Amino acid sequence: MSRRRGEELESAIRSAVLRLLAERGPGGVTMESVAAEARTSKPVLYRRWPDRTSLLRDSLLGVATAAIPHDDTGSYREDMLAVLRGWAALFTGPHAAVIRAAAAAAVNDAELTATFRDDVIGWRKQEMAALLHRGIARGDVRADVPVDIARELGQSVLWHRLLITGDEITDELIVALVDDVLVPFVAPRPDRYYEL
C-alpha cells in the first residue's frame, strides 16, 4: 500500500475526525483514536495540528466552508438562495449526523462549544455580515437593516428543523424563506415619516 501524503492524507484524517465525532461524541476524538481511524500515526497529526481542539476546529470548519457558498452573485436574493441551499445540503446530506452530534455535544464540552461558536458559527456570522453589507452597497438591502438579526433569520429556521423538530428541509422551504421572510425584511422601504 502506498503512503498517503498531502491532500489525500489530510482528507482521510478529517474524515476520521468527523466519523468519530458522529459515533462517539467529542470525547471520542483523541489524537490516538484519530490516528488509528485514519491509519496514520500521532506524530503525523501533531505535525499538522498542535492539539485535538485544533484538529476538531479545522475539521468542522472545513465541512462548513466547503458546503456553504460565499461568492457574490450580484443580488441579495440569489446570495441567500445559494447560502440556504448550502445549509440545506449540509443538513440533509452525509454530514448531518456530524453537525447534530457537534451541536448536541457542545452543550457539555467547553472546548467544542468554543470551537463551534467561535470558528464555525463565527465564520458564518462574518460571511453573512459581508453579504448584507454588499447588499447595502448595491441598494437591495436597506442601510438601517439590523445585521445581527438579518444574518441569522433564514439559518435559524433550518437549525431549528435539524436539531429540534426534525421537520423536512426542502427547496420549497428555502425559496419561501427567502421570498416571504428575508427579502421583505431587508428590502429598502419608503420613509415612514414625513416632515410637515
Protein backbone atom coordinates (compact mmCIF):
# COMPACT_ATOMS: atom_id res chain seq x y z
CA MET A 1 0.00 0.00 0.00
CA SER A 2 1.45 3.39 -0.99
CA ARG A 3 1.93 6.04 1.66
CA ARG A 4 -0.64 8.82 1.60
CA ARG A 5 0.56 12.40 1.57
CA GLY A 6 -0.75 15.94 1.34
CA GLU A 7 -4.40 16.40 0.47
CA GLU A 8 -5.18 12.68 0.45
CA LEU A 9 -3.81 12.19 3.96
CA GLU A 10 -5.45 15.34 5.36
CA SER A 11 -8.78 14.32 3.84
CA ALA A 12 -8.51 10.87 5.47
CA ILE A 13 -7.70 12.48 8.83
CA ARG A 14 -10.59 14.94 8.67
CA SER A 15 -12.97 12.16 7.63
CA ALA A 16 -11.79 10.12 10.62
CA VAL A 17 -12.44 13.06 12.95
CA LEU A 18 -15.97 13.52 11.62
CA ARG A 19 -16.77 9.79 11.85
CA LEU A 20 -15.53 9.63 15.43
CA LEU A 21 -17.42 12.78 16.37
CA ALA A 22 -20.68 11.42 14.96
CA GLU A 23 -20.22 7.96 16.51
CA ARG A 24 -18.60 8.72 19.87
CA GLY A 25 -19.04 12.42 20.52
CA PRO A 26 -16.21 14.86 21.17
CA GLY A 27 -14.72 12.71 23.94
CA GLY A 28 -14.05 10.03 21.35
CA VAL A 29 -11.97 12.40 19.23
CA THR A 30 -8.47 11.97 20.63
CA MET A 31 -5.19 12.09 18.77
CA GLU A 32 -4.84 8.33 19.39
CA SER A 33 -8.31 7.48 18.10
CA VAL A 34 -7.97 9.70 15.04
CA ALA A 35 -4.56 8.23 14.18
CA ALA A 36 -5.97 4.71 14.44
CA GLU A 37 -9.11 5.53 12.45
CA ALA A 38 -7.16 7.33 9.70
CA ARG A 39 -4.44 4.62 9.68
CA THR A 40 -1.65 7.07 10.38
CA SER A 41 0.48 7.99 13.39
CA LYS A 42 0.19 10.54 16.18
CA PRO A 43 3.42 12.31 15.11
CA VAL A 44 1.84 12.86 11.67
CA LEU A 45 -1.15 14.50 13.36
CA TYR A 46 0.99 16.64 15.64
CA ARG A 47 2.98 17.93 12.66
CA ARG A 48 -0.24 19.45 11.30
CA TRP A 49 -2.30 20.24 14.42
CA PRO A 50 -0.92 21.14 17.87
CA ASP A 51 -3.82 19.53 19.75
CA ARG A 52 -7.21 17.85 19.46
CA THR A 53 -9.07 21.18 19.66
CA SER A 54 -7.23 22.49 16.59
CA LEU A 55 -7.96 19.24 14.77
CA LEU A 56 -11.67 19.42 15.64
CA ARG A 57 -11.88 23.09 14.67
CA ASP A 58 -10.16 22.53 11.35
CA SER A 59 -12.38 19.55 10.50
CA LEU A 60 -15.67 21.26 11.39
CA LEU A 61 -14.70 24.49 9.68
CA GLY A 62 -13.70 22.51 6.60
CA VAL A 63 -17.18 20.98 6.40
CA ALA A 64 -18.88 24.37 6.74
CA THR A 65 -16.66 26.28 4.32
CA ALA A 66 -16.95 23.54 1.70
CA ALA A 67 -20.73 23.31 1.98
CA ILE A 68 -21.81 26.94 2.32
CA PRO A 69 -21.22 29.19 -0.71
CA HIS A 70 -19.89 32.66 -0.03
CA ASP A 71 -19.46 34.07 -3.52
CA ASP A 72 -21.14 37.32 -4.52
CA THR A 73 -23.94 36.54 -7.01
CA GLY A 74 -24.74 40.23 -7.51
CA SER A 75 -28.10 40.07 -5.71
CA TYR A 76 -29.14 39.62 -2.08
CA ARG A 77 -31.90 37.20 -3.10
CA GLU A 78 -29.58 34.98 -5.13
CA ASP A 79 -26.88 35.15 -2.43
CA MET A 80 -29.38 33.95 0.17
CA LEU A 81 -30.79 31.21 -2.03
CA ALA A 82 -27.25 29.90 -2.53
CA VAL A 83 -26.35 30.14 1.17
CA LEU A 84 -29.54 28.48 2.43
CA ARG A 85 -29.32 25.76 -0.22
CA GLY A 86 -25.79 25.11 1.01
CA TRP A 87 -27.04 24.79 4.60
CA ALA A 88 -29.90 22.56 3.42
CA ALA A 89 -27.49 20.26 1.57
CA LEU A 90 -25.29 20.08 4.66
CA PHE A 91 -28.22 19.41 6.99
CA THR A 92 -29.76 16.72 4.78
CA GLY A 93 -26.54 15.15 3.47
CA PRO A 94 -23.95 12.71 4.84
CA HIS A 95 -22.59 15.24 7.38
CA ALA A 96 -25.97 15.89 9.05
CA ALA A 97 -25.21 13.40 11.83
CA VAL A 98 -21.87 15.10 12.49
CA ILE A 99 -23.48 18.53 12.75
CA ARG A 100 -26.17 17.21 15.12
CA ALA A 101 -23.55 15.42 17.23
CA ALA A 102 -21.35 18.51 17.41
CA ALA A 103 -24.23 20.78 18.38
CA ALA A 104 -25.56 18.35 20.99
CA ALA A 105 -22.15 17.57 22.45
CA ALA A 106 -21.18 21.22 22.62
CA VAL A 107 -23.64 21.66 25.48
CA ASN A 108 -21.36 19.67 27.81
CA ASP A 109 -17.97 20.27 26.20
CA ALA A 110 -16.46 23.74 26.68
CA GLU A 111 -13.71 23.16 24.10
CA LEU A 112 -16.15 22.01 21.45
CA THR A 113 -18.55 24.85 22.30
CA ALA A 114 -15.78 27.41 21.77
CA THR A 115 -14.67 25.75 18.54
CA PHE A 116 -18.20 25.53 17.17
CA ARG A 117 -19.27 29.04 18.19
CA ASP A 118 -16.07 30.96 17.55
CA ASP A 119 -14.85 29.24 14.44
CA VAL A 120 -17.72 27.58 12.56
CA ILE A 121 -20.58 29.89 13.55
CA GLY A 122 -18.22 32.86 13.90
CA TRP A 123 -17.04 32.37 10.32
CA ARG A 124 -20.65 32.27 9.11
CA LYS A 125 -21.53 35.46 11.02
CA GLN A 126 -18.68 37.28 9.32
CA GLU A 127 -19.67 35.94 5.90
CA MET A 128 -23.32 36.86 6.41
CA ALA A 129 -22.44 40.36 7.62
CA ALA A 130 -20.28 40.81 4.50
CA LEU A 131 -23.16 39.56 2.32
CA LEU A 132 -25.54 42.10 3.89
CA HIS A 133 -23.05 44.96 3.55
CA ARG A 134 -22.62 44.10 -0.15
CA GLY A 135 -26.41 44.33 -0.47
CA ILE A 136 -26.42 47.72 1.27
CA ALA A 137 -23.73 48.97 -1.12
CA ARG A 138 -25.77 47.70 -4.11
CA GLY A 139 -29.02 49.14 -2.78
CA ASP A 140 -31.04 45.90 -2.50
CA VAL A 141 -30.64 45.86 1.31
CA ARG A 142 -31.73 48.86 3.38
CA ALA A 143 -28.94 50.75 5.10
CA ASP A 144 -30.54 50.51 8.56
CA VAL A 145 -31.09 46.74 8.48
CA PRO A 146 -30.28 45.11 11.84
CA VAL A 147 -27.39 42.97 10.61
CA ASP A 148 -27.21 40.85 13.78
CA ILE A 149 -30.81 39.72 13.20
CA ALA A 150 -30.86 39.57 9.41
CA ARG A 151 -27.79 37.36 9.24
CA GLU A 152 -29.45 34.67 11.36
CA LEU A 153 -33.09 34.68 10.24
CA GLY A 154 -33.07 32.08 7.48
CA GLN A 155 -30.43 29.85 9.01
CA SER A 156 -32.21 29.75 12.37
CA VAL A 157 -35.23 28.07 10.78
CA LEU A 158 -33.01 25.39 9.25
CA TRP A 159 -31.10 24.83 12.51
CA HIS A 160 -34.44 24.53 14.35
CA ARG A 161 -35.63 21.87 11.92
CA LEU A 162 -32.33 20.00 12.10
CA LEU A 163 -31.99 20.00 15.89
CA ILE A 164 -35.48 20.41 17.33
CA THR A 165 -38.45 19.47 15.17
CA GLY A 166 -36.94 17.13 12.58
CA ASP A 167 -39.28 18.69 10.01
CA GLU A 168 -38.24 18.31 6.41
CA ILE A 169 -35.85 20.82 4.86
CA THR A 170 -36.89 21.28 1.24
CA ASP A 171 -36.09 23.66 -1.59
CA GLU A 172 -39.65 24.98 -1.39
CA LEU A 173 -38.93 25.97 2.21
CA ILE A 174 -35.72 27.73 1.13
CA VAL A 175 -37.49 29.74 -1.58
CA ALA A 176 -40.34 30.67 0.79
CA LEU A 177 -37.88 31.78 3.47
CA VAL A 178 -36.01 33.97 1.02
CA ASP A 179 -39.00 35.45 -0.83
CA ASP A 180 -41.52 35.75 2.00
CA VAL A 181 -39.29 36.47 5.02
CA LEU A 182 -35.75 37.58 4.18
CA VAL A 183 -36.19 39.80 1.12
CA PRO A 184 -39.14 41.74 2.66
CA PHE A 185 -37.20 42.11 5.93
CA VAL A 186 -34.12 43.67 4.33
CA ALA A 187 -35.69 45.47 1.36
CA PRO A 188 -35.38 49.24 1.17
CA ARG A 189 -38.69 50.82 2.09
CA PRO A 190 -40.20 54.24 1.62
CA ASP A 191 -39.74 56.63 4.51
CA ARG A 192 -42.49 56.07 7.02
CA TYR A 193 -42.22 59.53 8.48
CA TYR A 194 -42.54 62.76 6.59
CA GLU A 195 -41.69 66.24 7.75
CA LEU A 196 -44.63 68.61 7.63
